[in-house]
Amino acid sequence: MNRKFGRKISKSTIFSRMKSRAAEYINNPNKLNELIDRAKGKADSTRNGPLHEVWESLMAFFRLVRAYAKREYTNVPWQSLILIIGTILYFLVPTDLIPDFIVGLGYIDDAALVGWTMTAVKTDIDAFREWEANKLAD
């Protein structure tokens, strides 16, 4: 996915609003779980197309937020959490920079932002995946 486009979206007014809203979710496990339920439902119905390229990243975001909501995994910087939750909120907005109802194009901006966010929080996602793998091995 085009990281430059993702970076441009990350600087947009709409994404700034999503990051501000993300702060409302961080300390509310119920809101976080509801958010992931809604996002997972939307993701499952749109798996093909542009999201296919960033699917694993999006799923890692969902798992990290769930683990954070359960307080199983809290070793993630606040700023990274804001970016991840803001990206999930952006994904849920149907009328973002490219409205989701535009067949074939509607999820290009979502996928670009997921890709950009993954690059921005790569170290934190890698640490989470390592924690996840160790947890499964136990």
Protein backbone atom coordinates (compact mmCIF):
# COMPACT_ATOMS: atom_id res chain seq x y z
CA MET A 1 0.00 0.00 0.00
CA ASN A 2 1.13 3.54 -0.64
CA ARG A 3 2.81 4.74 2.58
CA LYS A 4 3.03 8.33 1.28
CA PHE A 5 -0.76 8.41 0.94
CA GLY A 6 -1.05 6.93 4.43
CA ARG A 7 1.24 9.63 5.79
CA LYS A 8 -0.87 12.31 4.11
CA ILE A 9 -3.99 10.85 5.73
CA SER A 10 -2.21 10.77 9.10
CA LYS A 11 -1.87 14.55 8.85
CA SER A 12 -5.53 15.14 7.90
CA THR A 13 -8.12 16.86 10.03
CA ILE A 14 -10.32 13.77 10.08
CA PHE A 15 -7.50 11.60 11.43
CA SER A 16 -6.69 14.25 14.06
CA ARG A 17 -10.31 13.96 15.19
CA MET A 18 -10.03 10.17 15.30
CA LYS A 19 -6.89 10.40 17.47
CA SER A 20 -8.70 12.78 19.82
CA ARG A 21 -11.58 10.32 20.05
CA ALA A 22 -9.10 7.48 20.64
CA ALA A 23 -8.13 9.04 23.96
CA GLU A 24 -11.73 8.51 25.13
CA TYR A 25 -11.35 4.77 24.56
CA ILE A 26 -7.99 4.01 26.13
CA ASN A 27 -9.14 3.66 29.74
CA ASN A 28 -12.51 2.12 28.99
CA PRO A 29 -12.22 -1.63 28.32
CA ASN A 30 -15.91 -1.91 27.39
CA LYS A 31 -15.60 0.81 24.75
CA LEU A 32 -12.41 -0.79 23.42
CA ASN A 33 -14.06 -4.20 23.10
CA GLU A 34 -17.13 -2.71 21.41
CA LEU A 35 -14.86 -0.84 19.02
CA ILE A 36 -12.97 -4.00 18.09
CA ASP A 37 -16.22 -5.96 17.68
CA ARG A 38 -17.53 -3.35 15.22
CA ALA A 39 -14.21 -3.08 13.39
CA LYS A 40 -13.79 -6.86 13.17
CA GLY A 41 -17.29 -7.17 11.71
CA LYS A 42 -16.55 -4.54 9.07
CA ALA A 43 -13.12 -6.01 8.32
CA ASP A 44 -14.53 -9.51 7.88
CA SER A 45 -17.05 -8.21 5.32
CA THR A 46 -14.37 -6.28 3.37
CA ARG A 47 -11.39 -8.62 3.53
CA ASN A 48 -10.80 -8.67 -0.21
CA GLY A 49 -9.62 -5.67 -2.17
CA PRO A 50 -7.27 -3.03 -0.76
CA LEU A 51 -7.47 -4.38 2.80
CA HIS A 52 -6.03 -7.72 1.68
CA GLU A 53 -2.52 -6.21 1.60
CA VAL A 54 -2.70 -4.97 5.19
CA TRP A 55 -4.94 -7.68 6.65
CA GLU A 56 -2.34 -9.13 9.04
CA SER A 57 -1.48 -5.66 10.35
CA LEU A 58 -5.13 -4.84 10.94
CA MET A 59 -5.66 -8.13 12.77
CA ALA A 60 -2.56 -7.47 14.92
CA PHE A 61 -4.02 -4.06 15.83
CA PHE A 62 -7.28 -5.73 16.88
CA ARG A 63 -5.49 -8.37 18.98
CA LEU A 64 -3.27 -5.79 20.66
CA VAL A 65 -6.22 -3.55 21.57
CA ARG A 66 -8.17 -6.55 22.94
CA ALA A 67 -5.19 -7.63 25.03
CA TYR A 68 -4.80 -4.05 26.26
CA ALA A 69 -8.51 -3.84 27.14
CA LYS A 70 -8.18 -7.05 29.18
CA ARG A 71 -5.05 -5.58 30.81
CA GLU A 72 -3.14 -8.66 29.67
CA TYR A 73 -0.75 -6.57 27.60
CA THR A 74 -0.10 -3.00 28.67
CA ASN A 75 3.49 -2.59 27.53
CA VAL A 76 2.57 -0.28 24.67
CA PRO A 77 3.32 3.44 24.59
CA TRP A 78 0.32 5.72 24.89
CA GLN A 79 1.21 7.47 21.61
CA SER A 80 1.27 4.17 19.72
CA LEU A 81 -2.04 3.15 21.25
CA ILE A 82 -3.56 6.47 20.15
CA LEU A 83 -2.34 5.89 16.58
CA ILE A 84 -3.67 2.33 16.50
CA ILE A 85 -7.07 3.17 18.00
CA GLY A 86 -7.32 6.29 15.83
CA THR A 87 -6.62 4.15 12.76
CA ILE A 88 -9.34 1.68 13.78
CA LEU A 89 -11.78 4.57 14.32
CA TYR A 90 -10.86 5.98 10.89
CA PHE A 91 -11.48 2.54 9.36
CA LEU A 92 -14.98 2.56 10.84
CA VAL A 93 -15.94 5.96 9.42
CA PRO A 94 -17.77 5.26 6.15
CA THR A 95 -17.37 8.83 4.84
CA ASP A 96 -13.65 9.44 5.30
CA LEU A 97 -11.33 10.79 2.58
CA ILE A 98 -12.53 8.16 0.11
CA PRO A 99 -16.08 7.10 1.06
CA ASP A 100 -16.32 3.35 1.64
CA PHE A 101 -19.34 2.98 -0.63
CA ILE A 102 -17.23 3.71 -3.73
CA VAL A 103 -16.78 0.18 -5.02
CA GLY A 104 -13.17 -0.74 -5.65
CA LEU A 105 -11.76 2.48 -4.20
CA GLY A 106 -13.51 2.99 -0.88
CA TYR A 107 -10.96 1.19 1.25
CA ILE A 108 -7.76 2.43 -0.41
CA ASP A 109 -7.38 5.23 2.14
CA ASP A 110 -8.11 2.86 5.04
CA ALA A 111 -5.50 0.39 3.80
CA ALA A 112 -2.95 3.17 3.24
CA LEU A 113 -3.46 4.47 6.77
CA VAL A 114 -3.20 0.97 8.27
CA GLY A 115 0.06 0.48 6.37
CA TRP A 116 1.44 3.84 7.51
CA THR A 117 0.40 3.21 11.12
CA MET A 118 2.00 -0.23 11.04
CA THR A 119 5.26 1.37 9.94
CA ALA A 120 4.97 4.04 12.65
CA VAL A 121 4.37 1.51 15.45
CA LYS A 122 6.35 -1.43 14.03
CA THR A 123 8.61 -1.80 17.07
CA ASP A 124 5.60 -1.90 19.40
CA ILE A 125 3.70 -4.37 17.21
CA ASP A 126 6.79 -6.57 16.98
CA ALA A 127 7.08 -6.54 20.79
CA PHE A 128 3.38 -7.41 21.07
CA ARG A 129 3.72 -10.28 18.59
CA GLU A 130 6.70 -11.61 20.54
CA TRP A 131 4.69 -11.41 23.78
CA GLU A 132 1.79 -13.14 22.00
CA ALA A 133 4.04 -15.94 20.74
CA ASN A 134 5.55 -16.47 24.20
CA LYS A 135 2.10 -16.53 25.75
CA LEU A 136 0.99 -19.23 23.32
CA ALA A 137 4.16 -21.23 24.03
CA ASP A 138 3.48 -21.25 27.79
